[in-house]
N, C-alpha and C. Protein backbone atom coordinates (compact mmCIF):
# COMPACT_ATOMS: atom_id res chain seq x y z
N MET A 1 80.63 31.20 86.44
CA MET A 1 79.70 32.15 85.10
C MET A 1 79.53 31.98 83.91
N LEU A 2 78.48 30.59 83.84
CA LEU A 2 78.05 30.13 82.36
C LEU A 2 77.44 31.28 81.55
N ARG A 3 78.27 31.70 80.09
CA ARG A 3 77.33 32.63 79.22
C ARG A 3 76.83 32.07 78.55
N TRP A 4 77.32 30.68 77.36
CA TRP A 4 76.64 29.74 76.63
C TRP A 4 76.21 28.77 76.76
N ILE A 5 75.29 28.07 76.35
CA ILE A 5 74.95 26.67 76.11
C ILE A 5 75.28 26.27 74.43
N VAL A 6 75.78 25.47 74.78
CA VAL A 6 76.27 24.53 72.86
C VAL A 6 76.07 23.59 73.37
N PHE A 7 74.56 23.23 71.66
CA PHE A 7 74.68 21.95 71.72
C PHE A 7 74.72 21.51 70.30
N ASP A 8 75.23 20.04 70.13
CA ASP A 8 75.19 19.15 69.27
C ASP A 8 74.12 19.15 68.35
N TYR A 9 73.96 18.64 67.07
CA TYR A 9 72.91 18.21 66.89
C TYR A 9 72.29 17.11 66.48
N GLY A 10 72.28 16.16 65.40
CA GLY A 10 72.66 15.05 65.48
C GLY A 10 72.31 13.82 66.73
N GLU A 11 70.89 13.46 66.74
CA GLU A 11 71.00 12.49 68.02
C GLU A 11 70.74 13.47 69.38
N VAL A 12 70.43 14.50 68.83
CA VAL A 12 70.54 16.28 70.84
C VAL A 12 69.49 16.19 69.53
N ILE A 13 69.82 17.17 69.30
CA ILE A 13 68.10 18.23 68.72
C ILE A 13 67.43 17.42 67.54
N SER A 14 67.80 16.63 67.18
CA SER A 14 67.23 15.94 65.92
C SER A 14 67.06 14.30 66.45
N ARG A 15 66.57 13.51 65.97
CA ARG A 15 66.31 12.12 65.95
C ARG A 15 67.56 11.37 65.14
N ARG A 16 67.37 9.88 65.80
CA ARG A 16 68.66 9.25 64.86
C ARG A 16 67.82 8.86 63.06
N ILE A 17 68.98 9.60 62.14
CA ILE A 17 68.13 9.39 61.04
C ILE A 17 67.83 7.87 60.65
N THR A 18 66.48 7.70 60.03
CA THR A 18 65.76 6.90 59.84
C THR A 18 65.98 6.54 58.24
N ALA A 19 66.52 7.23 57.53
CA ALA A 19 66.65 7.05 56.19
C ALA A 19 67.42 5.98 55.47
N LEU A 20 68.06 5.79 55.54
CA LEU A 20 69.47 4.81 55.57
C LEU A 20 69.00 3.26 54.87
N PRO A 21 67.70 2.57 55.43
CA PRO A 21 67.33 1.74 54.74
C PRO A 21 67.10 2.29 53.02
N GLU A 22 66.93 3.76 52.89
CA GLU A 22 66.08 4.47 51.57
C GLU A 22 67.15 4.27 51.06
N LEU A 23 68.72 4.98 51.72
CA LEU A 23 70.04 4.94 50.72
C LEU A 23 69.63 4.12 50.08
N ALA A 24 70.39 3.12 50.87
CA ALA A 24 71.19 1.83 51.01
C ALA A 24 70.04 1.40 49.15
N ALA A 25 68.37 1.53 49.11
CA ALA A 25 67.93 1.36 48.10
C ALA A 25 68.20 1.90 47.05
N LEU A 26 68.11 2.98 46.76
CA LEU A 26 68.37 3.59 45.28
C LEU A 26 70.27 3.40 45.20
N LEU A 27 71.27 2.76 46.26
CA LEU A 27 72.47 1.80 45.71
C LEU A 27 72.12 0.75 45.68
N ASP A 28 70.49 0.69 45.91
CA ASP A 28 70.96 -1.19 45.15
C ASP A 28 71.91 -2.29 46.03
N ALA A 29 71.97 -1.58 47.15
CA ALA A 29 72.88 -2.45 48.17
C ALA A 29 72.22 -3.11 49.44
N ASP A 30 72.84 -4.49 50.01
CA ASP A 30 72.55 -4.94 51.65
C ASP A 30 72.56 -3.78 52.74
N PRO A 31 71.59 -3.48 53.21
CA PRO A 31 71.58 -2.10 54.30
C PRO A 31 72.61 -2.31 55.27
N GLU A 32 72.42 -3.34 55.57
CA GLU A 32 74.08 -3.31 56.31
C GLU A 32 75.51 -2.93 56.11
N THR A 33 75.82 -3.65 54.97
CA THR A 33 76.31 -3.45 53.84
C THR A 33 76.93 -1.83 54.08
N PHE A 34 75.54 -1.40 53.49
CA PHE A 34 75.74 0.16 52.97
C PHE A 34 75.90 0.87 54.20
N GLU A 35 75.19 0.48 55.91
CA GLU A 35 75.40 1.60 56.61
C GLU A 35 77.00 1.28 56.91
N ARG A 36 77.72 0.52 56.61
CA ARG A 36 78.73 0.66 57.35
C ARG A 36 79.55 1.75 55.99
N ALA A 37 79.29 1.25 55.20
CA ALA A 37 79.73 2.51 53.69
C ALA A 37 79.57 3.41 54.35
N TYR A 38 78.75 4.04 54.92
CA TYR A 38 77.70 5.71 55.24
C TYR A 38 78.66 6.09 55.79
N TRP A 39 78.90 5.14 57.28
CA TRP A 39 79.38 5.92 58.57
C TRP A 39 81.30 5.76 58.11
N ALA A 40 82.21 4.83 57.53
CA ALA A 40 82.88 4.84 57.53
C ALA A 40 83.75 5.87 56.44
N GLU A 41 82.99 6.95 55.43
CA GLU A 41 83.16 7.61 54.81
C GLU A 41 83.05 9.71 55.21
N ARG A 42 82.14 9.20 56.56
CA ARG A 42 81.54 10.03 57.14
C ARG A 42 82.35 11.01 57.68
N ARG A 43 83.19 11.00 58.08
CA ARG A 43 84.60 12.06 58.92
C ARG A 43 85.05 13.10 57.97
N ALA A 44 85.31 12.51 56.49
CA ALA A 44 85.47 13.22 55.40
C ALA A 44 84.36 14.29 54.58
N TYR A 45 83.27 13.68 54.85
CA TYR A 45 82.17 14.63 54.37
C TYR A 45 82.26 15.92 55.29
N ASP A 46 81.54 15.43 56.81
CA ASP A 46 81.79 16.26 57.71
C ASP A 46 83.05 17.30 57.94
N ALA A 47 84.04 17.08 57.30
CA ALA A 47 85.09 17.85 57.31
C ALA A 47 84.68 19.03 55.91
N GLY A 48 84.12 18.45 55.29
CA GLY A 48 84.04 19.74 54.14
C GLY A 48 84.34 18.60 52.64
N CYS A 49 84.68 17.71 52.81
CA CYS A 49 84.43 17.27 51.00
C CYS A 49 83.32 17.09 50.60
N THR A 50 82.82 17.58 49.65
CA THR A 50 81.93 17.53 48.69
C THR A 50 80.98 16.74 48.61
N ASP A 51 79.65 17.09 47.91
CA ASP A 51 78.66 15.88 48.03
C ASP A 51 78.71 14.41 47.12
N ALA A 52 79.24 15.10 46.09
CA ALA A 52 80.03 13.80 45.49
C ALA A 52 81.08 13.00 45.92
N ASP A 53 81.72 14.14 46.03
CA ASP A 53 83.14 12.78 46.68
C ASP A 53 82.75 11.87 47.77
N TYR A 54 81.92 12.30 48.87
CA TYR A 54 81.48 11.72 49.39
C TYR A 54 81.09 10.96 49.35
N TRP A 55 79.68 10.50 48.22
CA TRP A 55 78.77 9.96 47.65
C TRP A 55 79.74 8.63 46.91
N ARG A 56 80.31 9.11 46.04
CA ARG A 56 80.99 8.82 45.43
C ARG A 56 82.51 7.48 45.95
N ALA A 57 82.62 7.77 46.89
CA ALA A 57 83.13 7.09 48.22
C ALA A 57 82.53 6.25 48.65
N VAL A 58 81.36 6.34 48.87
CA VAL A 58 80.63 5.31 48.96
C VAL A 58 80.15 4.60 48.59
N ALA A 59 80.49 4.99 47.34
CA ALA A 59 79.43 3.85 45.94
C ALA A 59 80.87 3.12 45.77
N ALA A 60 81.66 3.49 46.11
CA ALA A 60 83.29 2.60 45.69
C ALA A 60 83.01 1.65 46.76
N ARG A 61 82.84 1.76 48.41
CA ARG A 61 82.97 0.79 48.80
C ARG A 61 81.82 -0.51 48.80
N LEU A 62 80.64 -0.18 48.05
CA LEU A 62 79.75 -0.94 47.39
C LEU A 62 79.69 -1.41 45.86
N ASP A 63 81.27 -1.25 45.42
CA ASP A 63 81.37 -1.35 43.79
C ASP A 63 79.92 -0.54 43.39
N ARG A 64 79.59 0.99 43.27
CA ARG A 64 78.69 0.59 42.43
C ARG A 64 79.43 2.60 42.15
N ASP A 65 78.82 3.03 40.84
CA ASP A 65 78.88 3.90 40.24
C ASP A 65 78.22 4.80 40.00
N LEU A 66 77.65 5.91 39.94
CA LEU A 66 76.98 6.85 40.32
C LEU A 66 77.46 8.33 39.30
N ASP A 67 75.48 8.58 38.56
CA ASP A 67 76.16 9.68 38.35
C ASP A 67 75.80 10.81 38.94
N ASP A 68 75.39 11.91 38.09
CA ASP A 68 75.26 13.20 38.88
C ASP A 68 73.71 13.07 39.54
N SER A 69 73.01 12.76 38.93
CA SER A 69 71.50 12.75 39.11
C SER A 69 71.27 11.71 41.07
N LEU A 70 71.52 11.12 40.55
CA LEU A 70 71.80 10.01 41.51
C LEU A 70 72.12 10.37 43.12
N ILE A 71 73.63 11.81 42.52
CA ILE A 71 74.25 11.93 43.60
C ILE A 71 73.33 13.03 44.50
N GLN A 72 72.91 14.18 43.70
CA GLN A 72 71.82 14.98 43.90
C GLN A 72 70.81 14.29 45.41
N ARG A 73 69.99 12.77 44.02
CA ARG A 73 68.84 12.56 45.51
C ARG A 73 69.48 11.82 46.08
N LEU A 74 70.02 10.96 46.65
CA LEU A 74 71.20 10.68 47.86
C LEU A 74 71.26 11.55 48.95
N THR A 75 71.45 12.49 48.03
CA THR A 75 72.21 14.40 49.08
C THR A 75 70.86 14.54 49.70
N SER A 76 70.03 15.20 49.14
CA SER A 76 68.58 15.18 49.27
C SER A 76 67.83 14.44 50.83
N VAL A 77 67.91 13.28 50.33
CA VAL A 77 67.39 12.73 51.12
C VAL A 77 67.83 11.94 52.46
N ASP A 78 69.17 12.09 52.59
CA ASP A 78 70.32 12.15 53.58
C ASP A 78 70.04 13.41 54.23
N VAL A 79 69.68 14.37 54.13
CA VAL A 79 69.56 15.76 54.38
C VAL A 79 68.37 15.94 55.43
N ASP A 80 67.15 15.17 54.63
CA ASP A 80 65.53 15.29 54.98
C ASP A 80 65.68 14.60 56.00
N GLY A 81 66.46 13.33 55.58
CA GLY A 81 66.69 11.97 56.73
C GLY A 81 67.34 12.59 58.32
N TRP A 82 68.03 13.70 58.19
CA TRP A 82 68.47 14.23 59.48
C TRP A 82 67.51 15.44 59.94
N MET A 83 66.00 15.91 59.03
CA MET A 83 65.93 16.92 60.06
C MET A 83 64.97 16.18 61.05
N SER A 84 64.08 15.40 61.10
CA SER A 84 63.19 14.82 62.07
C SER A 84 63.69 15.70 63.15
N THR A 85 63.29 16.10 63.99
CA THR A 85 63.59 16.59 65.64
C THR A 85 62.77 16.17 66.35
N ASP A 86 63.19 16.46 67.68
CA ASP A 86 62.89 15.57 68.93
C ASP A 86 62.12 16.62 69.73
N PRO A 87 60.64 16.78 69.73
CA PRO A 87 60.17 17.90 70.58
C PRO A 87 60.39 18.29 71.63
N GLU A 88 60.92 17.26 72.28
CA GLU A 88 61.54 17.69 74.10
C GLU A 88 62.75 18.78 73.72
N ALA A 89 63.57 18.15 72.86
CA ALA A 89 64.85 18.61 72.31
C ALA A 89 64.18 20.35 72.21
N LEU A 90 63.42 20.44 71.62
CA LEU A 90 62.52 21.65 70.35
C LEU A 90 62.62 22.69 71.67
N ALA A 91 61.06 22.04 72.35
CA ALA A 91 60.57 22.86 73.70
C ALA A 91 62.20 23.16 74.93
N LEU A 92 63.12 22.69 74.94
CA LEU A 92 64.21 22.80 75.96
C LEU A 92 64.62 23.95 75.00
N LEU A 93 64.78 24.02 73.87
CA LEU A 93 65.44 25.27 73.48
C LEU A 93 65.05 26.91 72.82
N GLU A 94 63.38 26.27 73.24
CA GLU A 94 62.70 27.48 73.34
C GLU A 94 62.69 28.27 74.45
N ASP A 95 62.31 27.25 75.49
CA ASP A 95 62.82 27.55 76.88
C ASP A 95 63.73 28.59 77.57
N LEU A 96 64.15 28.19 76.95
CA LEU A 96 66.17 28.77 77.38
C LEU A 96 66.22 29.94 76.40
N HIS A 97 65.74 30.23 75.15
CA HIS A 97 65.95 31.34 74.41
C HIS A 97 65.06 31.96 75.61
N ARG A 98 63.82 32.10 75.61
CA ARG A 98 62.33 33.00 75.86
C ARG A 98 63.55 33.70 77.23
N ARG A 99 64.48 32.76 78.02
CA ARG A 99 64.60 33.35 79.41
C ARG A 99 65.99 33.68 78.66
N GLY A 100 66.28 34.42 77.30
CA GLY A 100 67.42 34.76 77.25
C GLY A 100 68.81 34.03 77.25
N VAL A 101 68.60 33.35 77.71
CA VAL A 101 70.11 32.00 77.72
C VAL A 101 70.77 32.16 75.83
N ARG A 102 71.80 32.62 76.59
CA ARG A 102 72.60 32.82 75.09
C ARG A 102 72.72 31.09 74.28
N LEU A 103 72.78 30.88 72.80
CA LEU A 103 73.36 29.45 72.76
C LEU A 103 73.65 29.36 71.23
N ALA A 104 74.52 28.48 70.98
CA ALA A 104 75.05 27.94 69.86
C ALA A 104 74.77 26.84 69.39
N LEU A 105 75.25 26.59 68.23
CA LEU A 105 75.45 24.99 67.82
C LEU A 105 76.53 24.90 67.45
N LEU A 106 77.06 23.58 67.21
CA LEU A 106 78.20 23.21 66.93
C LEU A 106 78.35 21.87 66.71
N SER A 107 77.83 21.30 65.21
CA SER A 107 77.44 20.10 64.55
C SER A 107 78.95 19.65 63.79
N ASN A 108 78.83 18.03 63.66
CA ASN A 108 80.19 17.79 62.58
C ASN A 108 78.73 17.59 61.48
N ALA A 109 78.68 17.73 60.36
CA ALA A 109 77.46 18.15 59.35
C ALA A 109 78.34 18.95 58.03
N SER A 110 77.97 18.24 57.23
CA SER A 110 78.02 18.95 55.53
C SER A 110 78.20 19.95 55.58
N THR A 111 78.69 20.83 54.73
CA THR A 111 77.76 22.49 54.24
C THR A 111 76.63 21.62 53.89
N THR A 112 76.07 21.40 53.21
CA THR A 112 74.85 21.05 52.15
C THR A 112 73.77 20.95 53.58
N PHE A 113 73.70 19.91 54.77
CA PHE A 113 72.73 20.03 55.81
C PHE A 113 73.70 21.46 56.67
N GLY A 114 74.34 22.13 57.23
CA GLY A 114 74.54 23.56 57.36
C GLY A 114 73.27 24.21 56.42
N ARG A 115 73.70 24.16 55.52
CA ARG A 115 72.89 25.42 55.01
C ARG A 115 71.30 25.57 54.82
N ALA A 116 70.88 23.90 54.47
CA ALA A 116 69.80 23.68 54.40
C ALA A 116 69.14 23.45 56.39
N ALA A 117 69.83 23.69 57.12
CA ALA A 117 69.65 23.72 59.02
C ALA A 117 69.19 24.75 58.94
N GLU A 118 70.02 25.88 58.34
CA GLU A 118 70.13 27.42 58.57
C GLU A 118 68.01 28.13 58.32
N SER A 119 68.04 26.80 57.46
CA SER A 119 66.53 27.66 57.41
C SER A 119 65.50 27.47 58.14
N LYS A 120 66.19 26.42 58.92
CA LYS A 120 64.45 26.11 60.05
C LYS A 120 64.53 26.59 60.94
N PRO A 121 62.71 26.09 61.50
CA PRO A 121 62.25 27.29 62.30
C PRO A 121 63.83 27.24 63.65
N TRP A 122 64.22 25.93 64.21
CA TRP A 122 64.88 26.21 65.52
C TRP A 122 65.61 26.84 65.41
N ALA A 123 66.18 26.94 64.04
CA ALA A 123 67.75 27.72 63.90
C ALA A 123 67.60 29.51 64.32
N ARG A 124 66.62 29.96 64.57
CA ARG A 124 65.91 31.36 65.50
C ARG A 124 66.97 30.90 67.22
N TYR A 125 66.62 30.20 67.65
CA TYR A 125 67.07 30.02 68.59
C TYR A 125 68.69 30.23 69.12
N PHE A 126 69.69 29.99 68.13
CA PHE A 126 70.87 30.38 68.36
C PHE A 126 71.48 31.46 67.54
N GLU A 127 72.59 32.40 68.58
CA GLU A 127 73.14 33.20 68.30
C GLU A 127 73.90 32.59 67.18
N HIS A 128 74.66 31.25 66.96
CA HIS A 128 75.65 30.69 65.96
C HIS A 128 75.58 29.48 66.01
N LEU A 129 75.52 29.37 64.43
CA LEU A 129 75.07 27.83 64.04
C LEU A 129 76.44 27.61 63.35
N LEU A 130 77.34 26.61 63.95
CA LEU A 130 78.58 26.27 63.05
C LEU A 130 78.90 24.80 62.78
N PHE A 131 78.78 24.43 61.92
CA PHE A 131 79.00 23.61 60.99
C PHE A 131 80.53 23.12 60.64
N SER A 132 80.76 21.64 60.98
CA SER A 132 82.41 21.35 60.97
C SER A 132 82.50 21.60 59.29
N GLY A 133 81.63 21.16 58.63
CA GLY A 133 81.97 20.93 57.27
C GLY A 133 82.40 22.65 56.22
N ASP A 134 82.04 23.66 57.33
CA ASP A 134 82.35 25.11 56.92
C ASP A 134 83.49 25.27 57.40
N LEU A 135 83.79 24.82 58.27
CA LEU A 135 85.14 25.15 59.18
C LEU A 135 85.91 24.13 59.13
N ARG A 136 85.92 23.20 58.56
CA ARG A 136 87.14 22.37 57.73
C ARG A 136 87.65 21.50 58.90
N VAL A 137 87.34 21.17 60.03
CA VAL A 137 87.23 20.53 61.28
C VAL A 137 86.62 20.16 61.96
N VAL A 138 86.60 18.68 62.25
CA VAL A 138 85.61 18.15 62.72
C VAL A 138 85.94 17.87 64.60
N LYS A 139 84.57 17.75 65.52
CA LYS A 139 85.04 17.46 66.85
C LYS A 139 85.19 15.88 66.94
N PRO A 140 86.07 15.73 67.82
CA PRO A 140 86.48 16.14 69.33
C PRO A 140 87.63 16.86 69.01
N ASP A 141 88.56 17.48 67.30
CA ASP A 141 89.46 17.93 66.92
C ASP A 141 89.64 19.28 68.06
N ALA A 142 91.01 19.14 68.21
CA ALA A 142 91.39 20.88 69.30
C ALA A 142 91.49 21.72 68.38
N GLU A 143 91.15 21.84 67.45
CA GLU A 143 90.73 23.27 66.30
C GLU A 143 89.53 23.61 67.11
N ILE A 144 88.31 22.79 66.58
CA ILE A 144 87.44 22.98 66.35
C ILE A 144 87.12 23.52 68.21
N TRP A 145 86.81 23.77 69.06
CA TRP A 145 86.83 24.12 70.08
C TRP A 145 87.93 25.66 70.17
N ARG A 146 88.65 25.85 69.53
CA ARG A 146 89.09 27.04 69.57
C ARG A 146 88.34 28.25 68.55
N VAL A 147 87.94 27.51 67.44
CA VAL A 147 87.26 28.25 66.14
C VAL A 147 85.76 28.29 67.29
N LEU A 148 85.24 27.56 68.39
CA LEU A 148 83.68 28.06 68.84
C LEU A 148 84.67 29.26 69.56
N LEU A 149 85.01 28.74 70.50
CA LEU A 149 85.25 30.25 71.73
C LEU A 149 86.10 31.31 70.91
N ASP A 150 86.59 31.36 70.00
CA ASP A 150 86.46 32.35 69.55
C ASP A 150 85.36 33.64 68.71
N THR A 151 84.25 32.37 68.28
CA THR A 151 83.30 32.83 67.58
C THR A 151 82.32 33.47 69.15
N LEU A 152 82.08 32.58 69.89
CA LEU A 152 81.69 33.20 70.98
C LEU A 152 81.94 34.39 71.80
N ASP A 153 83.68 34.71 71.39
CA ASP A 153 83.96 35.73 72.47
C ASP A 153 84.15 35.42 74.16
N ALA A 154 84.25 34.60 74.42
CA ALA A 154 84.47 33.51 75.41
C ALA A 154 85.48 32.64 76.03
N ARG A 155 85.63 31.93 77.06
CA ARG A 155 86.68 31.37 77.94
C ARG A 155 85.74 30.47 78.32
N PRO A 156 86.93 28.98 78.10
CA PRO A 156 86.27 27.75 77.80
C PRO A 156 85.20 27.86 79.21
N GLU A 157 85.93 28.27 80.66
CA GLU A 157 84.34 28.22 81.37
C GLU A 157 83.37 28.55 81.54
N GLU A 158 83.49 29.79 79.93
CA GLU A 158 81.87 30.25 80.28
C GLU A 158 80.49 29.52 79.51
N CYS A 159 81.21 27.83 78.90
CA CYS A 159 80.37 27.36 78.09
C CYS A 159 80.19 26.17 78.68
N LEU A 160 79.13 25.89 78.83
CA LEU A 160 78.69 24.55 78.31
C LEU A 160 77.76 23.83 77.40
N PHE A 161 78.76 22.44 76.84
CA PHE A 161 78.32 21.73 75.42
C PHE A 161 77.80 20.50 76.10
N PHE A 162 76.54 20.17 75.24
CA PHE A 162 76.03 18.68 75.05
C PHE A 162 76.39 18.17 74.23
N ASP A 163 76.52 16.96 74.33
CA ASP A 163 76.33 16.22 73.13
C ASP A 163 76.73 14.88 73.22
N ASP A 164 76.21 13.61 72.32
CA ASP A 164 75.73 12.45 72.45
C ASP A 164 76.72 11.80 72.43
N ARG A 165 78.10 11.60 72.24
CA ARG A 165 79.15 10.92 71.57
C ARG A 165 80.32 11.12 73.15
N GLU A 166 80.83 10.61 73.81
CA GLU A 166 81.76 10.50 74.91
C GLU A 166 82.99 10.83 74.27
N ASP A 167 83.35 10.92 72.87
CA ASP A 167 84.56 11.24 72.89
C ASP A 167 84.39 12.76 72.07
N ASN A 168 83.63 13.36 72.14
CA ASN A 168 83.03 14.79 72.23
C ASN A 168 83.14 15.37 73.04
N ILE A 169 82.58 14.92 74.21
CA ILE A 169 82.70 15.36 75.62
C ILE A 169 83.84 15.43 76.16
N ALA A 170 84.88 14.50 76.15
CA ALA A 170 86.11 14.30 76.37
C ALA A 170 86.71 15.78 75.68
N GLY A 171 86.65 15.63 74.48
CA GLY A 171 87.36 16.72 74.31
C GLY A 171 87.23 18.03 73.90
N ALA A 172 86.15 18.36 74.14
CA ALA A 172 85.33 19.63 75.15
C ALA A 172 85.83 19.91 76.36
N ARG A 173 85.85 18.91 77.05
CA ARG A 173 85.97 18.62 78.57
C ARG A 173 88.23 19.11 78.60
N ARG A 174 88.65 18.58 77.51
CA ARG A 174 90.15 18.99 77.11
C ARG A 174 90.35 20.15 77.05
N ALA A 175 89.37 20.76 76.59
CA ALA A 175 89.83 22.37 75.98
C ALA A 175 89.34 22.99 77.16
N GLY A 176 88.96 22.18 78.04
CA GLY A 176 88.28 23.15 78.82
C GLY A 176 86.99 24.08 79.65
N LEU A 177 86.12 23.25 78.17
CA LEU A 177 84.91 23.68 78.39
C LEU A 177 84.02 22.61 79.49
N HIS A 178 82.72 22.97 80.04
CA HIS A 178 82.08 22.13 80.95
C HIS A 178 81.29 21.35 79.55
N ALA A 179 80.84 20.12 80.15
CA ALA A 179 80.48 19.22 78.91
C ALA A 179 79.69 18.24 79.53
N GLU A 180 78.40 18.04 79.08
CA GLU A 180 77.56 16.85 79.86
C GLU A 180 77.24 16.06 78.45
N LEU A 181 76.93 14.42 78.92
CA LEU A 181 76.59 13.57 77.83
C LEU A 181 75.00 13.71 77.65
N TRP A 182 74.96 14.26 76.10
CA TRP A 182 72.87 14.43 76.34
C TRP A 182 72.20 12.79 76.29
N THR A 183 71.78 12.38 77.05
CA THR A 183 70.63 11.27 77.55
C THR A 183 69.31 11.67 77.41
N SER A 184 68.68 12.49 77.46
CA SER A 184 67.24 13.59 76.92
C SER A 184 67.35 14.78 77.37
N ALA A 185 66.24 15.10 76.66
CA ALA A 185 65.67 16.67 76.97
C ALA A 185 65.90 16.83 78.42
N ALA A 186 64.73 15.86 79.45
CA ALA A 186 64.72 15.70 80.79
C ALA A 186 65.76 16.04 81.57
N ARG A 187 66.97 14.92 81.36
CA ARG A 187 68.03 15.30 82.57
C ARG A 187 68.61 16.34 81.78
N ALA A 188 68.71 16.90 81.12
CA ALA A 188 69.32 18.51 80.21
C ALA A 188 68.45 19.22 80.97
N ARG A 189 67.49 19.50 80.81
CA ARG A 189 66.89 20.48 81.36
C ARG A 189 67.13 20.11 82.86
N ASP A 190 67.41 19.64 83.56
CA ASP A 190 66.86 19.48 85.22
C ASP A 190 68.59 19.68 85.37
N LEU A 191 69.66 19.43 85.04
CA LEU A 191 71.14 19.69 84.95
C LEU A 191 70.91 21.54 84.71
N LEU A 192 70.54 21.80 83.48
CA LEU A 192 70.30 23.38 83.22
C LEU A 192 69.70 24.52 84.70
N GLN A 193 68.31 23.74 85.38
CA GLN A 193 68.38 24.31 86.11
C GLN A 193 68.90 24.79 87.12
N ASP A 194 69.76 23.38 87.66
CA ASP A 194 70.78 23.75 88.46
C ASP A 194 71.86 24.90 87.95
N GLN A 195 72.65 24.54 86.71
CA GLN A 195 73.91 25.49 86.76
C GLN A 195 73.75 27.09 86.70
N LEU A 196 72.21 26.90 85.56
CA LEU A 196 72.00 28.66 85.47
C LEU A 196 71.19 29.05 86.87
N ALA A 197 70.83 28.46 87.90
CA ALA A 197 70.71 28.98 89.08
C ALA A 197 71.75 29.43 90.37
N ALA A 198 72.69 28.45 89.57
CA ALA A 198 74.44 28.78 90.17
C ALA A 198 74.92 30.28 90.33
């Protein structure tokens, strides 16, 4: 029997970030080169390093110097860039919440993003919002599933997890959770209709 539905955030509830060209321009960098640097340092950021350390690491790959003002601007644009949500995903969350389904969020995201996300209207659908930057461990590491299950006071088989990344799905399944690759809200809705009726 499922007791919890757990959602990733990025490219599940949110749309893919569109702010990378703006971020690249702030650093006067070629967009493709910037994007490689942006993602190369992201795991450490998601694991809890500071905004300043993250952006300095990105800038070092681009041979750029940063001051505090630019770090704040980069952080603001980045966080705002991830706040564009998918209306169909939000409609699904609202429907599940209205039905009394227990929902949790488990996202690889910085602490700064976490604080911003907690203030958004969609946050109310979730009983628990877990961000890797706070936990200092990232998906798909084994420890993050232990933290999730402890927080939910649940057994692995009582949880269904949605994520857009195959490695995170594999990690959840290794930990004993039910897990499904997110492709669309419509597909998730169909799957949940069957699962929650079982």
